[in-house]
N, C-alpha and C. Protein backbone atom coordinates (compact mmCIF):
# COMPACT_ATOMS: atom_id res chain seq x y z
N MET A 1 -11.71 -8.63 39.60
CA MET A 1 -12.11 -9.52 38.52
C MET A 1 -13.02 -8.73 37.56
N ARG A 2 -13.68 -7.62 38.04
CA ARG A 2 -14.64 -6.96 37.20
C ARG A 2 -14.04 -6.28 35.95
N HIS A 3 -12.66 -6.26 36.03
CA HIS A 3 -11.92 -5.64 34.72
C HIS A 3 -11.69 -6.64 33.80
N LEU A 4 -11.79 -7.84 34.02
CA LEU A 4 -11.67 -8.88 33.14
C LEU A 4 -12.39 -8.81 31.64
N PRO A 5 -13.73 -8.49 31.71
CA PRO A 5 -14.34 -8.30 30.50
C PRO A 5 -13.72 -7.07 29.60
N ILE A 6 -13.27 -6.02 30.23
CA ILE A 6 -12.67 -4.98 29.59
C ILE A 6 -11.32 -5.42 28.99
N LEU A 7 -10.49 -6.03 29.72
CA LEU A 7 -9.31 -6.62 29.15
C LEU A 7 -9.50 -7.45 27.99
N ALA A 8 -10.46 -8.33 28.20
CA ALA A 8 -10.72 -9.35 27.14
C ALA A 8 -11.19 -8.60 25.84
N ALA A 9 -12.02 -7.59 25.93
CA ALA A 9 -12.46 -6.81 24.71
C ALA A 9 -11.05 -6.15 24.19
N ALA A 10 -10.39 -5.62 25.04
CA ALA A 10 -9.14 -4.93 24.51
C ALA A 10 -8.24 -5.77 23.76
N ALA A 11 -8.09 -7.11 24.25
CA ALA A 11 -7.27 -8.11 23.70
C ALA A 11 -7.81 -8.44 22.30
N VAL A 12 -9.14 -8.69 22.15
CA VAL A 12 -9.75 -8.91 21.03
C VAL A 12 -9.65 -7.84 19.89
N LEU A 13 -9.82 -6.49 20.30
CA LEU A 13 -9.68 -5.55 19.40
C LEU A 13 -8.18 -5.43 18.97
N ALA A 14 -7.08 -5.50 19.85
CA ALA A 14 -5.71 -5.51 19.38
C ALA A 14 -5.46 -6.62 18.52
N PHE A 15 -5.95 -7.74 18.82
CA PHE A 15 -5.63 -8.92 17.77
C PHE A 15 -6.34 -8.79 16.56
N SER A 16 -7.43 -8.22 16.58
CA SER A 16 -8.07 -8.10 15.12
C SER A 16 -7.44 -6.87 14.40
N GLY A 17 -6.97 -5.90 14.93
CA GLY A 17 -6.30 -4.90 14.27
C GLY A 17 -4.93 -5.41 13.77
N ALA A 18 -4.19 -6.26 14.63
CA ALA A 18 -2.90 -6.87 14.11
C ALA A 18 -3.15 -7.75 13.06
N SER A 19 -4.33 -8.39 13.02
CA SER A 19 -4.56 -9.50 11.91
C SER A 19 -4.63 -8.93 10.51
N GLN A 20 -4.98 -7.47 10.50
CA GLN A 20 -5.33 -6.88 9.19
C GLN A 20 -3.99 -6.45 8.62
N ALA A 21 -2.97 -6.27 9.44
CA ALA A 21 -1.55 -5.84 8.98
C ALA A 21 -0.68 -6.93 8.58
N ALA A 22 -0.24 -6.88 7.34
CA ALA A 22 0.69 -7.99 6.81
C ALA A 22 2.03 -7.40 6.51
N THR A 23 3.01 -8.31 6.92
CA THR A 23 4.43 -7.93 6.55
C THR A 23 5.03 -8.98 5.62
N TYR A 24 5.58 -8.57 4.46
CA TYR A 24 6.07 -9.61 3.60
C TYR A 24 7.63 -9.18 3.47
N ARG A 25 8.50 -10.19 3.53
CA ARG A 25 9.99 -10.02 3.53
C ARG A 25 10.63 -10.93 2.52
N LEU A 26 11.75 -10.25 2.09
CA LEU A 26 12.65 -10.88 1.11
C LEU A 26 13.92 -10.33 1.31
N GLY A 27 14.87 -11.00 1.73
CA GLY A 27 16.27 -10.57 2.25
C GLY A 27 16.10 -9.34 3.15
N ALA A 28 16.70 -8.31 2.64
CA ALA A 28 16.60 -7.02 3.43
C ALA A 28 15.51 -6.05 3.30
N LEU A 29 14.64 -6.38 2.38
CA LEU A 29 13.44 -5.59 1.86
C LEU A 29 12.13 -6.21 2.64
N GLU A 30 11.28 -5.24 3.10
CA GLU A 30 10.03 -5.65 3.81
C GLU A 30 8.92 -4.74 3.07
N ALA A 31 7.82 -5.25 2.87
CA ALA A 31 6.67 -4.58 2.52
C ALA A 31 5.67 -4.72 3.66
N VAL A 32 5.30 -3.61 4.21
CA VAL A 32 4.38 -3.59 5.34
C VAL A 32 2.96 -3.08 4.91
N SER A 33 2.02 -3.80 5.43
CA SER A 33 0.61 -3.40 5.40
C SER A 33 0.10 -2.93 3.94
N PRO A 34 0.30 -3.74 2.84
CA PRO A 34 -0.15 -3.20 1.76
C PRO A 34 -1.83 -3.38 1.67
N TRP A 35 -2.32 -2.24 1.06
CA TRP A 35 -3.79 -2.13 1.14
C TRP A 35 -4.16 -1.21 -0.03
N SER A 36 -5.51 -1.47 -0.49
CA SER A 36 -5.98 -0.67 -1.56
C SER A 36 -7.50 -0.46 -1.22
N ARG A 37 -8.00 0.65 -1.83
CA ARG A 37 -9.37 0.87 -1.48
C ARG A 37 -10.36 0.09 -2.60
N PRO A 38 -11.61 -0.11 -2.26
CA PRO A 38 -12.60 -0.86 -3.30
C PRO A 38 -12.54 0.13 -4.46
N ALA A 39 -12.84 -0.64 -5.60
CA ALA A 39 -12.94 0.06 -6.97
C ALA A 39 -13.64 -0.68 -7.89
N ALA A 40 -14.26 -0.10 -8.89
CA ALA A 40 -15.08 -0.84 -9.86
C ALA A 40 -14.13 -1.57 -11.01
N ALA A 41 -14.73 -2.74 -11.66
CA ALA A 41 -13.97 -3.23 -12.61
C ALA A 41 -13.82 -2.26 -13.87
N GLY A 42 -12.72 -2.33 -14.49
CA GLY A 42 -12.33 -1.40 -15.54
C GLY A 42 -11.83 -0.09 -15.00
N GLY A 43 -12.08 0.07 -13.83
CA GLY A 43 -11.66 1.36 -13.29
C GLY A 43 -10.21 1.27 -12.71
N ASN A 44 -9.89 2.26 -11.90
CA ASN A 44 -8.55 2.41 -11.34
C ASN A 44 -8.48 2.29 -9.82
N GLY A 45 -7.45 1.74 -9.34
CA GLY A 45 -7.27 1.62 -7.82
C GLY A 45 -5.93 2.09 -7.40
N GLY A 46 -5.84 2.58 -6.27
CA GLY A 46 -4.56 2.95 -5.70
C GLY A 46 -4.03 1.85 -4.69
N GLY A 47 -2.85 1.67 -4.72
CA GLY A 47 -2.19 0.55 -3.85
C GLY A 47 -1.07 1.39 -2.83
N PHE A 48 -1.15 1.06 -1.55
CA PHE A 48 -0.47 1.82 -0.49
C PHE A 48 0.25 0.74 0.36
N LEU A 49 1.44 1.13 0.97
CA LEU A 49 2.13 0.38 1.79
C LEU A 49 3.32 1.05 2.35
N THR A 50 4.14 0.50 3.09
CA THR A 50 5.41 0.94 3.48
C THR A 50 6.50 -0.18 3.19
N ILE A 51 7.60 0.45 2.46
CA ILE A 51 8.73 -0.40 2.09
C ILE A 51 9.84 -0.13 3.06
N VAL A 52 10.38 -1.06 3.72
CA VAL A 52 11.55 -0.90 4.49
C VAL A 52 12.70 -1.59 3.94
N ASN A 53 13.92 -0.93 4.01
CA ASN A 53 15.23 -1.56 3.51
C ASN A 53 16.09 -1.71 4.75
N ARG A 54 16.30 -2.87 5.18
CA ARG A 54 17.10 -3.22 6.42
C ARG A 54 18.57 -3.52 5.78
N GLY A 55 18.82 -3.26 4.67
CA GLY A 55 20.18 -3.77 4.02
C GLY A 55 21.15 -2.42 4.16
N ALA A 56 22.43 -2.83 3.64
CA ALA A 56 23.37 -1.64 3.86
C ALA A 56 23.51 -0.91 2.56
N ALA A 57 22.78 -1.22 1.43
CA ALA A 57 22.72 -0.46 0.21
C ALA A 57 21.46 -0.01 -0.27
N ALA A 58 21.40 1.06 -0.91
CA ALA A 58 20.00 1.42 -1.37
C ALA A 58 19.43 0.62 -2.37
N ASP A 59 18.03 0.59 -2.46
CA ASP A 59 17.40 -0.17 -3.68
C ASP A 59 16.40 0.80 -4.11
N ALA A 60 15.74 0.23 -5.04
CA ALA A 60 14.49 1.08 -5.65
C ALA A 60 13.33 0.27 -6.17
N LEU A 61 12.11 0.67 -5.78
CA LEU A 61 11.03 -0.05 -6.35
C LEU A 61 10.84 0.51 -7.74
N VAL A 62 11.02 -0.34 -8.78
CA VAL A 62 10.89 0.09 -10.18
C VAL A 62 9.65 -0.38 -10.94
N ALA A 63 8.94 -1.25 -10.50
CA ALA A 63 7.64 -1.73 -10.96
C ALA A 63 6.99 -2.58 -10.01
N VAL A 64 5.62 -2.60 -10.44
CA VAL A 64 4.63 -3.54 -9.69
C VAL A 64 3.88 -4.34 -10.74
N GLU A 65 3.98 -5.68 -10.56
CA GLU A 65 3.33 -6.52 -11.55
C GLU A 65 2.13 -7.17 -10.91
N THR A 66 0.94 -7.32 -11.65
CA THR A 66 -0.18 -8.02 -11.20
C THR A 66 -1.08 -8.35 -12.33
N THR A 67 -1.86 -9.45 -12.14
CA THR A 67 -2.85 -9.94 -13.11
C THR A 67 -4.30 -9.18 -12.82
N ALA A 68 -4.24 -8.50 -11.78
CA ALA A 68 -5.50 -7.87 -11.34
C ALA A 68 -5.83 -6.54 -12.12
N ALA A 69 -4.87 -6.03 -12.84
CA ALA A 69 -5.08 -4.83 -13.46
C ALA A 69 -4.34 -4.80 -14.93
N ARG A 70 -4.95 -4.09 -15.90
CA ARG A 70 -4.29 -4.10 -17.22
C ARG A 70 -2.96 -3.49 -17.22
N LYS A 71 -2.68 -2.70 -16.29
CA LYS A 71 -1.32 -2.11 -16.17
C LYS A 71 -1.17 -1.52 -14.73
N THR A 72 0.07 -1.39 -14.40
CA THR A 72 0.39 -0.65 -13.03
C THR A 72 1.40 0.49 -13.44
N GLU A 73 1.36 1.58 -12.59
CA GLU A 73 2.40 2.49 -12.64
C GLU A 73 2.67 2.87 -11.13
N VAL A 74 3.88 3.29 -10.89
CA VAL A 74 4.24 4.07 -9.40
C VAL A 74 4.15 5.56 -9.74
N HIS A 75 3.31 6.20 -8.81
CA HIS A 75 3.16 7.60 -8.93
C HIS A 75 3.56 8.30 -7.63
N ARG A 76 3.62 9.65 -7.78
CA ARG A 76 3.79 10.44 -6.55
C ARG A 76 2.79 11.78 -6.90
N THR A 77 1.99 11.81 -5.82
CA THR A 77 1.14 13.13 -5.72
C THR A 77 1.85 14.06 -4.96
N SER A 78 1.81 15.41 -5.42
CA SER A 78 2.34 16.50 -4.63
C SER A 78 1.53 17.80 -4.70
N THR A 79 1.61 18.67 -3.82
CA THR A 79 0.82 19.86 -3.89
C THR A 79 1.67 20.94 -3.81
N ALA A 80 1.73 21.86 -4.78
CA ALA A 80 2.54 23.13 -4.74
C ALA A 80 1.64 24.34 -5.14
N GLY A 81 1.72 25.38 -4.29
CA GLY A 81 0.79 26.63 -4.60
C GLY A 81 -0.62 26.31 -4.61
N GLY A 82 -1.00 25.27 -3.80
CA GLY A 82 -2.55 25.01 -3.91
C GLY A 82 -2.84 24.03 -5.07
N VAL A 83 -1.91 23.64 -5.89
CA VAL A 83 -2.27 22.96 -7.11
C VAL A 83 -1.80 21.49 -6.88
N MET A 84 -2.58 20.41 -7.07
CA MET A 84 -2.15 19.15 -6.84
C MET A 84 -1.74 18.51 -8.14
N LYS A 85 -0.56 17.84 -8.13
CA LYS A 85 -0.23 17.24 -9.45
C LYS A 85 0.35 15.74 -9.20
N MET A 86 0.24 14.89 -10.10
CA MET A 86 0.79 13.62 -10.02
C MET A 86 1.78 13.29 -11.13
N GLU A 87 2.69 12.71 -10.75
CA GLU A 87 3.87 12.39 -11.61
C GLU A 87 4.14 10.66 -11.59
N ARG A 88 4.27 10.06 -12.75
CA ARG A 88 4.78 8.73 -12.73
C ARG A 88 6.22 8.77 -12.37
N GLN A 89 6.61 7.76 -11.69
CA GLN A 89 8.01 7.55 -11.17
C GLN A 89 8.71 6.60 -12.03
N ASP A 90 8.84 7.01 -13.32
CA ASP A 90 9.54 6.08 -14.27
C ASP A 90 10.84 5.36 -13.87
N ALA A 91 11.62 6.17 -13.21
CA ALA A 91 13.00 5.88 -12.64
C ALA A 91 12.91 5.00 -11.25
N GLY A 92 11.78 4.83 -10.78
CA GLY A 92 11.54 4.14 -9.55
C GLY A 92 11.55 5.14 -8.30
N VAL A 93 11.31 4.50 -7.19
CA VAL A 93 11.52 5.15 -5.96
C VAL A 93 12.48 4.56 -5.09
N THR A 94 13.51 5.31 -4.73
CA THR A 94 14.72 4.85 -4.01
C THR A 94 14.36 4.63 -2.54
N ILE A 95 14.68 3.51 -2.09
CA ILE A 95 14.53 3.17 -0.66
C ILE A 95 15.99 3.05 0.04
N PRO A 96 16.28 4.16 0.68
CA PRO A 96 17.65 4.30 1.17
C PRO A 96 17.99 3.14 2.28
N PRO A 97 19.27 2.76 2.38
CA PRO A 97 19.58 1.74 3.32
C PRO A 97 19.28 2.13 4.78
N GLY A 98 18.63 1.20 5.54
CA GLY A 98 18.33 1.46 6.90
C GLY A 98 17.10 2.39 7.04
N LYS A 99 16.35 2.70 5.87
CA LYS A 99 15.17 3.53 6.13
C LYS A 99 13.91 2.93 5.41
N GLN A 100 12.84 3.68 5.48
CA GLN A 100 11.56 3.18 4.93
C GLN A 100 11.00 4.34 4.24
N VAL A 101 10.13 3.85 3.09
CA VAL A 101 9.27 5.00 2.56
C VAL A 101 7.96 4.49 2.38
N ALA A 102 6.98 5.47 2.86
CA ALA A 102 5.70 5.33 2.81
C ALA A 102 5.00 5.54 1.47
N PHE A 103 4.21 4.69 1.08
CA PHE A 103 3.34 4.93 -0.10
C PHE A 103 1.85 4.97 0.40
N ALA A 104 1.51 6.32 0.39
CA ALA A 104 0.16 6.66 1.14
C ALA A 104 -0.63 7.52 0.37
N PRO A 105 -1.80 7.65 0.59
CA PRO A 105 -2.78 8.69 -0.10
C PRO A 105 -2.13 10.07 -0.10
N GLY A 106 -2.01 10.87 -1.08
CA GLY A 106 -1.49 12.11 -1.20
C GLY A 106 0.10 12.16 -1.36
N GLY A 107 0.70 10.86 -1.51
CA GLY A 107 2.24 10.84 -1.87
C GLY A 107 2.44 9.85 -2.82
N TYR A 108 3.49 9.00 -2.48
CA TYR A 108 3.74 7.98 -3.47
C TYR A 108 2.71 6.77 -3.41
N HIS A 109 2.34 6.15 -4.41
CA HIS A 109 1.38 5.11 -4.54
C HIS A 109 1.44 4.32 -5.76
N VAL A 110 0.88 3.24 -5.77
CA VAL A 110 0.71 2.25 -6.92
C VAL A 110 -0.56 2.56 -7.55
N MET A 111 -0.52 2.76 -8.86
CA MET A 111 -1.98 2.85 -9.61
C MET A 111 -2.06 1.50 -10.31
N PHE A 112 -3.24 0.89 -9.97
CA PHE A 112 -3.70 -0.26 -10.67
C PHE A 112 -4.66 0.28 -11.88
N LEU A 113 -4.21 0.17 -12.85
CA LEU A 113 -5.10 0.86 -14.06
C LEU A 113 -5.75 -0.29 -14.80
N GLY A 114 -7.07 -0.05 -15.06
CA GLY A 114 -7.92 -0.97 -15.75
C GLY A 114 -8.11 -2.28 -14.88
N LEU A 115 -8.67 -2.18 -13.80
CA LEU A 115 -8.93 -3.34 -13.02
C LEU A 115 -9.57 -4.39 -13.69
N THR A 116 -9.20 -5.72 -13.64
CA THR A 116 -9.91 -6.86 -14.32
C THR A 116 -11.22 -7.18 -13.66
N LYS A 117 -11.38 -6.91 -12.38
CA LYS A 117 -12.69 -7.22 -11.81
C LYS A 117 -12.94 -6.18 -10.63
N PRO A 118 -14.04 -6.04 -10.04
CA PRO A 118 -14.36 -5.02 -9.00
C PRO A 118 -13.58 -5.61 -7.87
N THR A 119 -13.04 -4.65 -6.96
CA THR A 119 -12.51 -5.04 -5.74
C THR A 119 -13.35 -4.51 -4.62
N LYS A 120 -13.70 -5.42 -3.58
CA LYS A 120 -14.52 -5.02 -2.53
C LYS A 120 -13.85 -5.27 -1.24
N LEU A 121 -14.46 -4.76 -0.16
CA LEU A 121 -13.78 -4.89 1.17
C LEU A 121 -13.51 -6.34 1.38
N GLY A 122 -12.36 -6.60 1.84
CA GLY A 122 -11.88 -8.09 2.26
C GLY A 122 -11.16 -8.63 1.16
N ASP A 123 -11.44 -8.31 -0.07
CA ASP A 123 -10.68 -8.85 -1.18
C ASP A 123 -8.98 -8.76 -1.11
N LYS A 124 -8.31 -9.41 -1.79
CA LYS A 124 -6.77 -9.27 -1.98
C LYS A 124 -6.40 -9.26 -3.43
N LEU A 125 -5.43 -8.22 -3.70
CA LEU A 125 -4.91 -8.06 -4.79
C LEU A 125 -3.57 -8.53 -4.83
N PRO A 126 -3.31 -9.80 -5.53
CA PRO A 126 -1.95 -10.21 -5.54
C PRO A 126 -0.96 -9.47 -6.57
N ALA A 127 0.18 -9.16 -6.15
CA ALA A 127 1.16 -8.31 -6.80
C ALA A 127 2.51 -8.74 -6.50
N THR A 128 3.46 -8.41 -7.35
CA THR A 128 4.93 -8.55 -7.26
C THR A 128 5.53 -7.27 -7.31
N LEU A 129 6.19 -6.91 -6.25
CA LEU A 129 7.09 -5.66 -6.31
C LEU A 129 8.40 -6.03 -6.84
N VAL A 130 8.90 -5.20 -7.91
CA VAL A 130 10.18 -5.46 -8.55
C VAL A 130 11.08 -4.33 -8.24
N PHE A 131 12.19 -4.81 -7.72
CA PHE A 131 13.32 -3.81 -7.21
C PHE A 131 14.47 -3.76 -8.31
N LYS A 132 15.06 -2.55 -8.21
CA LYS A 132 16.24 -2.36 -9.14
C LYS A 132 17.37 -3.47 -9.01
N SER A 133 17.47 -4.03 -7.63
CA SER A 133 18.43 -5.06 -7.41
C SER A 133 18.16 -6.36 -8.13
N GLY A 134 16.89 -6.37 -8.62
CA GLY A 134 16.45 -7.82 -9.24
C GLY A 134 15.54 -8.51 -8.23
N ALA A 135 15.47 -8.13 -7.08
CA ALA A 135 14.56 -8.64 -6.01
C ALA A 135 13.05 -8.56 -6.56
N ARG A 136 12.36 -9.65 -6.33
CA ARG A 136 10.84 -9.76 -6.66
C ARG A 136 10.17 -10.14 -5.30
N LEU A 137 9.48 -9.37 -4.81
CA LEU A 137 8.72 -9.60 -3.61
C LEU A 137 7.12 -9.69 -3.80
N LYS A 138 6.67 -10.97 -3.56
CA LYS A 138 5.24 -11.23 -3.73
C LYS A 138 4.46 -10.73 -2.56
N VAL A 139 3.35 -9.86 -2.79
CA VAL A 139 2.55 -9.44 -1.74
C VAL A 139 1.19 -9.42 -2.12
N GLU A 140 0.31 -9.19 -1.20
CA GLU A 140 -1.11 -9.14 -1.44
C GLU A 140 -1.76 -7.65 -0.86
N PHE A 141 -2.28 -6.90 -1.60
CA PHE A 141 -2.92 -5.69 -1.24
C PHE A 141 -4.28 -6.10 -0.68
N GLN A 142 -4.60 -5.82 0.66
CA GLN A 142 -5.88 -5.99 1.22
C GLN A 142 -6.81 -4.91 0.78
N VAL A 143 -8.01 -5.16 0.43
CA VAL A 143 -8.88 -4.15 0.12
C VAL A 143 -9.64 -3.67 1.28
N ALA A 144 -9.56 -2.42 1.63
CA ALA A 144 -10.10 -1.93 2.88
C ALA A 144 -10.40 -0.60 2.64
N ALA A 145 -11.35 -0.05 3.59
CA ALA A 145 -11.82 1.38 3.60
C ALA A 145 -10.55 2.38 4.00
N ALA A 146 -9.62 1.87 4.80
CA ALA A 146 -8.49 2.81 5.29
C ALA A 146 -7.49 1.83 5.50
N ALA A 147 -6.35 2.33 5.84
CA ALA A 147 -5.09 1.77 6.05
C ALA A 147 -5.15 0.80 7.21
N PRO A 148 -4.70 -0.37 7.20
CA PRO A 148 -4.72 -1.27 8.54
C PRO A 148 -4.24 -0.44 9.63
N GLY A 149 -5.03 -0.55 10.75
CA GLY A 149 -4.65 0.06 12.04
C GLY A 149 -5.14 1.50 12.17
N ALA A 150 -5.63 2.10 11.04
CA ALA A 150 -6.26 3.56 11.08
C ALA A 150 -7.44 3.54 11.71
N ALA A 151 -7.75 4.65 12.37
CA ALA A 151 -9.12 4.69 13.05
C ALA A 151 -10.22 4.87 12.18
N PRO A 152 -11.27 4.17 12.29
CA PRO A 152 -12.49 4.31 11.35
C PRO A 152 -12.79 5.82 11.11
N GLY A 153 -13.08 6.29 10.00
CA GLY A 153 -13.46 7.55 9.62
C GLY A 153 -12.18 8.59 9.74
N LYS A 154 -11.27 8.08 9.77
CA LYS A 154 -9.88 9.00 10.02
C LYS A 154 -9.04 8.91 8.75
N ALA A 155 -9.65 8.89 7.58
CA ALA A 155 -8.86 8.70 6.32
C ALA A 155 -8.22 9.91 6.09
N PRO A 156 -7.03 9.88 5.36
CA PRO A 156 -6.26 11.07 5.01
C PRO A 156 -6.99 11.96 4.25
N ALA A 157 -6.72 13.25 4.33
CA ALA A 157 -7.60 14.18 3.55
C ALA A 157 -7.41 14.18 2.10
N ALA A 158 -6.25 13.76 1.60
CA ALA A 158 -5.95 13.48 0.26
C ALA A 158 -6.42 12.10 -0.14
N GLU A 159 -7.48 12.14 -1.03
CA GLU A 159 -7.82 10.74 -1.38
C GLU A 159 -7.11 10.34 -2.69
N ALA A 160 -7.18 8.98 -2.94
CA ALA A 160 -6.47 8.30 -4.09
C ALA A 160 -7.34 9.05 -5.28
N HIS A 161 -6.55 9.21 -6.42
CA HIS A 161 -7.32 9.61 -7.54
C HIS A 161 -7.86 8.51 -8.36
N HIS A 162 -8.85 8.65 -9.05
CA HIS A 162 -9.49 7.62 -9.92
C HIS A 162 -9.88 8.14 -11.31
N HIS A 163 -9.19 9.11 -11.70
CA HIS A 163 -9.57 9.75 -12.94
C HIS A 163 -8.78 9.33 -14.09
N HIS A 164 -7.93 8.38 -13.98
CA HIS A 164 -7.00 8.01 -15.21
C HIS A 164 -7.88 7.19 -16.22
């Protein structure tokens, strides 16, 4: 019985981590653990998540709509020859059938340009993911210091950019 407090503590930690991760579904599409870092009003924020396509045909994320920012864009950050560059993904990001695509710091991400108010830890940014197929998936980006389930202090080396 002396292991009971340890098991109880582990269960609480497991439950609290799970409660931070959210999954949104619409047909064959899933948005897993949308999150964003804190940011100042009028500034820019980054949105991260994983999109899963459980369908038999490819689809593409072509836009993100929100009232939390003046404008949104889908971007991809890449590094070549030690130089980091960022490109808008105007044609969208393809999500192959039966696959998933991660939107994470240093790769694909959503830019929230001109935030209408500051975002702080615990806030939620409502948004709608718009797909080429016409699907519109409503999600909430949880404002957090790191991705849900990430170890504290273990943020990816590539930070989201805020210079737009």
